[in-house]
Structure formats: structure tokens, C-alpha cells
Amino acid sequence: MTSLFRNNKLALLSVVVIAVFVLTALLAPLIAPYDPDAVDLDEAKQSPGKKHIFGTDEKGRDIFSRVIYGSRISLAIGVLATAMALFLGTAAGLVGGYFGGKIDAGIQMVTDITLAFPGLLLAIGITVVLSPGFLTVLIALSLVGWASMARLVRGEVISLKEREYVEAGRAGGSSSVKILLRHILPNCIPIILVAASLKVGAFILAEAALSFLDLGVRPPTATWGFMISAGREYLKTAPWITLFPGLALALAVFSFNLLGDAARDYLDPKAKL
């Protein structure tokens, strides 16, 4: 894996940027100079300066502090929603791809129905039904993202289950569960890791979109999407309200996508042809 970063400087840079975001999120109470939710109307819409390096928003809240705390929400939802989607999708793909028949047909029917809806539209529908909030966003994104992972894993399982070592396991009397967990799943790990790194960036962007539409985590909790949405009314008079959370969002999503692309090129020999 070290050769990945030695041969791809952009991949190394993306890891550094992601590490900075993670440390910033973990150490937010120590790094943020102000309470992100503290309202001070006398300081409203102050331009970036020594006192407020990213300026203040329409309510006088420090944007730098809010961007830092917003990274907690974005990264938490991105990682947790990815983990939930991978768990559901991997389980469905393993079972459907290995057993085939009616089991696979049933799983594929549900998968096709899920994929028939635009992802963001389906997430919006789920959040409206369940009422917006942190847990609701997690559920919505995981229910949206599992289907593509299930299809990806299923295709890999179908190609792996006819390999010699799988046949040897069956001949040796190994149970289906043992074959799946010991022989097939480990060989799916590379493709799962690549999909996971790409999913995190996609889910961070999706959470921002839901927050922008006021369907994400409820205010006054700082999220990048909600900050961008709140600042759109002041683009001409105070563009920094939208600029800095937008830059943070773009940098985080770009870094995860760049890492995913680099990992795919490294782990997939076909991508090198």
C-alpha cells in the first residue's frame, strides 16, 4: 500500500487533507476560538479579519468555528452512513450472488426498485416521512446507498464462487457461511474499500444537499450545507458566509474521491490496462 502513495502524490495529499479534517473534527472544542452557536448581532456580517479569520454570519456567529464544528457532522454522517450501506449491501450481495435462484431474484428485485429512484430524491422522501434529524439522515443515506454496493458485491461473488479454492472448500465439507466468510468475502475487500472511499465523499455531499434544503440536521447545529443555504441571501454583501463552508465541503469531497480513484487504480489490475 505504501507504493500507492509513493507513486501517486495526489493520493498522499488527499490522505493528508482527510487526516486534517478528522483531527479538526475530533479536536473541535480545542481548536474553535468561539462558541459556534453564540449569537452576537453587534458582530453580524463582519468581513474576515484578525478577530474572525473567516468573518461572521448574519447572526454574528464565528464562521471559522462553525466550519470546524460542521466538519464533525459531515464526517460522522459520511463515515457512519457508508458503514451502514456497506454492511447492508455487502450482506445482500454475498447472499444473492452465492446462492442465486429465487433468493438472488428477490434481492435483485428490491435492488432494482431502489436504484430506479434518483438517490437524492429518495433520500428527500425518507427524511420527509421520518422527520429531519441526524439519525434520519443516516437512515436515509444508508437506504439509498446499499443497493449499488449490493450489485457491485454480487457481481464479484458470482465470479469468485466458481474458483478452485471455493470448489475445494465445498468438497471438504465447509458450510456455505464458512465459504462466504473465509474464502469469498476476503477477496471482495479491495472492491469494497474502493467503493467505501467513494461513498464517503458522495454521502458528505448528499448530507450537505439535504441540509441546504432544510431536511438535514436541525439548526442551530452547524453543518456545511445549512451554512451555505443560510448565506445565499448575502452573496453580494457578505460572500464569505457561503464561501468558506463551500470550500471546506468541496475540499473534503474532492479528497475522498481522489483517494477512491487512486485506490481503485492500485487495487484493480484491469484499471492499469
Protein backbone atom coordinates (compact mmCIF):
# COMPACT_ATOMS: atom_id res chain seq x y z
CA MET A 1 0.00 0.00 0.00
CA THR A 2 2.95 2.35 0.57
CA SER A 3 3.66 2.16 -3.16
CA LEU A 4 0.24 3.71 -3.75
CA PHE A 5 1.36 6.93 -2.06
CA ARG A 6 4.90 6.75 -3.40
CA ASN A 7 3.67 6.62 -6.98
CA ASN A 8 0.70 8.93 -6.57
CA LYS A 9 1.43 12.21 -4.83
CA LEU A 10 -2.16 13.36 -5.18
CA ALA A 11 -3.30 10.29 -3.23
CA LEU A 12 -0.86 11.17 -0.46
CA LEU A 13 -2.11 14.75 -0.46
CA SER A 14 -5.71 13.55 -0.20
CA VAL A 15 -4.84 11.41 2.83
CA VAL A 16 -3.17 14.39 4.49
CA VAL A 17 -6.21 16.59 3.85
CA ILE A 18 -8.59 13.90 5.18
CA ALA A 19 -6.40 13.45 8.26
CA VAL A 20 -6.54 17.21 8.89
CA PHE A 21 -10.33 17.17 8.64
CA VAL A 22 -10.57 14.20 11.01
CA LEU A 23 -8.25 15.77 13.59
CA THR A 24 -10.11 19.07 13.28
CA ALA A 25 -13.42 17.33 13.93
CA LEU A 26 -12.05 15.40 16.93
CA LEU A 27 -10.35 18.45 18.46
CA ALA A 28 -13.07 20.97 17.59
CA PRO A 29 -13.60 22.18 21.21
CA LEU A 30 -9.86 22.90 21.47
CA ILE A 31 -9.40 24.49 18.04
CA ALA A 32 -12.56 26.58 17.64
CA PRO A 33 -11.95 30.07 19.06
CA TYR A 34 -15.65 30.77 19.70
CA ASP A 35 -18.87 29.01 20.55
CA PRO A 36 -20.25 28.10 17.10
CA ASP A 37 -23.83 28.80 18.20
CA ALA A 38 -23.19 32.04 20.11
CA VAL A 39 -25.24 34.87 18.60
CA ASP A 40 -23.84 38.43 18.68
CA LEU A 41 -25.85 40.75 16.45
CA ASP A 42 -23.35 43.56 17.01
CA GLU A 43 -20.78 41.44 15.14
CA ALA A 44 -23.12 40.43 12.30
CA LYS A 45 -21.62 40.06 8.81
CA GLN A 46 -18.11 41.10 9.82
CA SER A 47 -15.64 40.51 7.00
CA PRO A 48 -12.64 38.18 7.58
CA GLY A 49 -10.02 39.76 9.82
CA LYS A 50 -7.80 39.20 12.84
CA LYS A 51 -10.70 38.74 15.25
CA HIS A 52 -12.72 36.46 12.96
CA ILE A 53 -10.45 34.95 10.31
CA PHE A 54 -13.39 33.65 8.26
CA GLY A 55 -15.68 36.53 9.23
CA THR A 56 -19.10 36.22 10.87
CA ASP A 57 -22.53 35.30 9.57
CA GLU A 58 -25.81 37.21 9.63
CA LYS A 59 -26.24 36.46 13.35
CA GLY A 60 -22.70 37.36 14.35
CA ARG A 61 -21.56 33.76 14.77
CA ASP A 62 -17.92 33.00 14.01
CA ILE A 63 -17.76 31.19 10.67
CA PHE A 64 -14.38 29.58 11.36
CA SER A 65 -15.76 27.93 14.49
CA ARG A 66 -18.90 26.83 12.67
CA VAL A 67 -16.91 25.34 9.79
CA ILE A 68 -14.84 23.37 12.31
CA TYR A 69 -17.90 22.04 14.13
CA GLY A 70 -19.62 21.44 10.81
CA SER A 71 -16.85 19.01 9.89
CA ARG A 72 -18.00 16.81 12.77
CA ILE A 73 -21.47 16.39 11.30
CA SER A 74 -20.29 15.94 7.72
CA LEU A 75 -17.59 13.38 8.52
CA ALA A 76 -19.74 11.49 11.03
CA ILE A 77 -22.62 11.14 8.60
CA GLY A 78 -20.31 10.34 5.70
CA VAL A 79 -18.48 7.57 7.58
CA LEU A 80 -21.44 6.11 9.50
CA ALA A 81 -23.81 6.13 6.52
CA THR A 82 -21.11 4.47 4.42
CA ALA A 83 -20.59 1.79 7.08
CA MET A 84 -24.32 1.07 7.26
CA ALA A 85 -24.71 1.00 3.48
CA LEU A 86 -21.67 -1.28 3.10
CA PHE A 87 -22.96 -3.68 5.74
CA LEU A 88 -26.39 -3.97 4.13
CA GLY A 89 -25.11 -4.01 0.56
CA THR A 90 -22.29 -6.48 1.22
CA ALA A 91 -24.59 -8.88 3.06
CA ALA A 92 -27.19 -8.72 0.28
CA GLY A 93 -24.58 -9.09 -2.46
CA LEU A 94 -22.90 -12.05 -0.78
CA VAL A 95 -26.14 -13.95 -0.19
CA GLY A 96 -27.68 -13.20 -3.58
CA GLY A 97 -24.54 -13.83 -5.61
CA TYR A 98 -23.63 -17.07 -3.85
CA PHE A 99 -26.99 -18.79 -3.54
CA GLY A 100 -28.63 -17.48 -6.73
CA GLY A 101 -32.09 -18.70 -7.67
CA LYS A 102 -35.15 -17.22 -6.00
CA ILE A 103 -33.09 -15.67 -3.21
CA ASP A 104 -30.99 -13.74 -5.71
CA ALA A 105 -34.07 -12.81 -7.76
CA GLY A 106 -35.81 -11.39 -4.69
CA ILE A 107 -32.77 -9.37 -3.63
CA GLN A 108 -32.26 -8.09 -7.18
CA MET A 109 -35.89 -7.01 -7.40
CA VAL A 110 -35.52 -4.88 -4.27
CA THR A 111 -32.18 -3.58 -5.55
CA ASP A 112 -33.65 -2.59 -8.91
CA ILE A 113 -36.57 -0.81 -7.25
CA THR A 114 -34.17 1.16 -5.05
CA LEU A 115 -31.91 2.08 -7.95
CA ALA A 116 -34.89 3.12 -10.07
CA PHE A 117 -35.28 6.26 -7.93
CA PRO A 118 -32.78 9.14 -8.09
CA GLY A 119 -30.69 8.86 -4.93
CA LEU A 120 -31.21 12.38 -3.62
CA LEU A 121 -34.94 12.29 -4.38
CA LEU A 122 -35.32 9.03 -2.45
CA ALA A 123 -33.34 10.46 0.47
CA ILE A 124 -35.57 13.55 0.50
CA GLY A 125 -38.66 11.35 0.59
CA ILE A 126 -37.33 9.32 3.52
CA THR A 127 -36.38 12.41 5.54
CA VAL A 128 -39.81 13.94 4.94
CA VAL A 129 -41.54 10.78 6.16
CA LEU A 130 -39.31 10.27 9.22
CA SER A 131 -38.81 14.00 10.02
CA PRO A 132 -35.36 15.58 9.59
CA GLY A 133 -32.54 14.93 12.05
CA PHE A 134 -29.12 13.31 12.40
CA LEU A 135 -30.44 9.74 12.72
CA THR A 136 -32.92 10.26 9.91
CA VAL A 137 -30.17 11.43 7.55
CA LEU A 138 -28.11 8.35 8.45
CA ILE A 139 -31.03 6.02 7.74
CA ALA A 140 -31.95 7.81 4.51
CA LEU A 141 -28.45 7.75 3.05
CA SER A 142 -27.77 4.15 4.04
CA LEU A 143 -31.07 3.03 2.48
CA VAL A 144 -30.16 4.93 -0.67
CA GLY A 145 -26.57 3.68 -0.88
CA TRP A 146 -26.85 -0.04 -0.09
CA ALA A 147 -28.27 -1.07 -3.48
CA SER A 148 -25.29 -0.04 -5.60
CA MET A 149 -22.97 -1.80 -3.17
CA ALA A 150 -25.14 -4.96 -3.28
CA ARG A 151 -24.94 -5.06 -7.07
CA LEU A 152 -21.19 -4.49 -7.03
CA VAL A 153 -20.53 -7.25 -4.48
CA ARG A 154 -22.95 -9.64 -6.18
CA GLY A 155 -21.07 -9.38 -9.45
CA GLU A 156 -17.78 -10.08 -7.70
CA VAL A 157 -19.23 -13.05 -5.80
CA ILE A 158 -20.61 -14.62 -8.99
CA SER A 159 -17.11 -14.55 -10.50
CA LEU A 160 -15.47 -15.86 -7.31
CA LYS A 161 -17.77 -18.71 -6.36
CA GLU A 162 -16.61 -20.86 -9.27
CA ARG A 163 -12.93 -20.56 -8.37
CA GLU A 164 -10.92 -23.65 -7.48
CA TYR A 165 -10.41 -22.77 -3.81
CA VAL A 166 -14.18 -22.33 -3.35
CA GLU A 167 -14.82 -25.69 -5.01
CA ALA A 168 -12.17 -27.21 -2.76
CA GLY A 169 -13.93 -25.79 0.28
CA ARG A 170 -17.23 -27.30 -0.79
CA ALA A 171 -15.56 -30.66 -1.45
CA GLY A 172 -14.00 -30.51 2.01
CA GLY A 173 -17.43 -30.18 3.60
CA SER A 174 -17.21 -26.47 4.55
CA SER A 175 -20.55 -24.81 5.19
CA SER A 176 -21.83 -22.04 2.96
CA VAL A 177 -21.33 -19.49 5.76
CA LYS A 178 -17.72 -20.56 6.21
CA ILE A 179 -17.05 -20.38 2.48
CA LEU A 180 -18.60 -16.93 2.26
CA LEU A 181 -16.72 -15.52 5.24
CA ARG A 182 -13.38 -17.26 4.80
CA HIS A 183 -12.93 -17.57 1.04
CA ILE A 184 -15.22 -15.15 -0.80
CA LEU A 185 -15.57 -12.09 1.43
CA PRO A 186 -11.79 -11.52 1.87
CA ASN A 187 -11.41 -11.45 -1.90
CA CYS A 188 -14.15 -8.81 -2.12
CA ILE A 189 -12.38 -6.50 0.33
CA PRO A 190 -10.42 -4.49 -2.30
CA ILE A 191 -13.51 -3.57 -4.29
CA ILE A 192 -15.41 -2.82 -1.05
CA LEU A 193 -12.65 -0.49 0.16
CA VAL A 194 -12.65 1.42 -3.12
CA ALA A 195 -16.44 1.77 -3.07
CA ALA A 196 -16.33 2.89 0.57
CA SER A 197 -13.88 5.73 -0.07
CA LEU A 198 -16.06 6.97 -2.93
CA LYS A 199 -19.26 6.59 -0.89
CA VAL A 200 -17.97 8.77 1.95
CA GLY A 201 -17.47 11.72 -0.38
CA ALA A 202 -20.84 11.16 -2.02
CA PHE A 203 -22.63 10.96 1.34
CA ILE A 204 -20.92 14.11 2.63
CA LEU A 205 -22.22 15.91 -0.45
CA ALA A 206 -25.68 14.36 -0.04
CA GLU A 207 -25.86 15.45 3.61
CA ALA A 208 -24.94 18.98 2.57
CA ALA A 209 -27.68 18.90 -0.07
CA LEU A 210 -30.27 17.76 2.49
CA SER A 211 -29.13 20.45 4.95
CA PHE A 212 -29.27 23.03 2.14
CA LEU A 213 -32.92 22.03 1.64
CA ASP A 214 -33.51 22.26 5.42
CA LEU A 215 -34.02 18.48 5.60
CA GLY A 216 -30.79 17.61 7.40
CA VAL A 217 -29.58 18.04 10.96
CA ARG A 218 -31.72 20.63 12.68
CA PRO A 219 -30.37 24.14 13.41
CA PRO A 220 -28.68 25.74 15.23
CA THR A 221 -26.27 22.79 14.84
CA ALA A 222 -23.59 23.89 12.38
CA THR A 223 -23.47 21.95 9.12
CA TRP A 224 -21.76 22.98 5.92
CA GLY A 225 -24.89 22.58 3.84
CA PHE A 226 -27.04 24.67 6.16
CA MET A 227 -24.35 27.38 6.32
CA ILE A 228 -24.25 27.54 2.52
CA SER A 229 -28.03 27.72 2.40
CA ALA A 230 -28.21 30.48 5.02
CA GLY A 231 -25.52 32.53 3.29
CA ARG A 232 -27.06 32.51 -0.19
CA GLU A 233 -29.16 35.56 0.71
CA TYR A 234 -25.97 37.54 1.38
CA LEU A 235 -23.83 36.53 -1.59
CA LYS A 236 -23.43 40.15 -2.70
CA THR A 237 -22.97 41.78 0.71
CA ALA A 238 -21.21 39.01 2.67
CA PRO A 239 -19.98 36.26 0.30
CA TRP A 240 -17.67 34.78 2.95
CA ILE A 241 -20.69 33.30 4.75
CA THR A 242 -21.09 30.85 1.86
CA LEU A 243 -17.52 30.79 0.56
CA PHE A 244 -15.70 29.11 3.45
CA PRO A 245 -18.13 26.27 4.20
CA GLY A 246 -18.39 25.73 0.44
CA LEU A 247 -14.61 25.45 0.16
CA ALA A 248 -14.47 23.03 3.10
CA LEU A 249 -17.19 20.88 1.53
CA ALA A 250 -15.53 20.86 -1.90
CA LEU A 251 -12.11 20.04 -0.44
CA ALA A 252 -13.43 17.17 1.68
CA VAL A 253 -15.44 15.59 -1.14
CA PHE A 254 -12.60 16.04 -3.63
CA SER A 255 -10.10 14.41 -1.25
CA PHE A 256 -12.25 11.33 -0.63
CA ASN A 257 -13.00 10.95 -4.34
CA LEU A 258 -9.32 11.35 -5.22
CA LEU A 259 -8.37 8.71 -2.67
CA GLY A 260 -11.04 6.37 -4.02
CA ASP A 261 -9.82 6.78 -7.60
CA ALA A 262 -6.23 6.17 -6.56
CA ALA A 263 -7.20 3.08 -4.55
CA ARG A 264 -9.19 1.72 -7.50
CA ASP A 265 -6.24 2.14 -9.85
CA TYR A 266 -3.95 0.48 -7.34
CA LEU A 267 -6.16 -2.45 -6.35
CA ASP A 268 -7.78 -3.20 -9.72
CA PRO A 269 -5.27 -4.63 -12.23
CA LYS A 270 -7.79 -4.12 -15.07
CA ALA A 271 -7.67 -0.34 -14.47
CA LYS A 272 -3.97 -0.36 -15.35
CA LEU A 273 -4.50 -1.93 -18.77
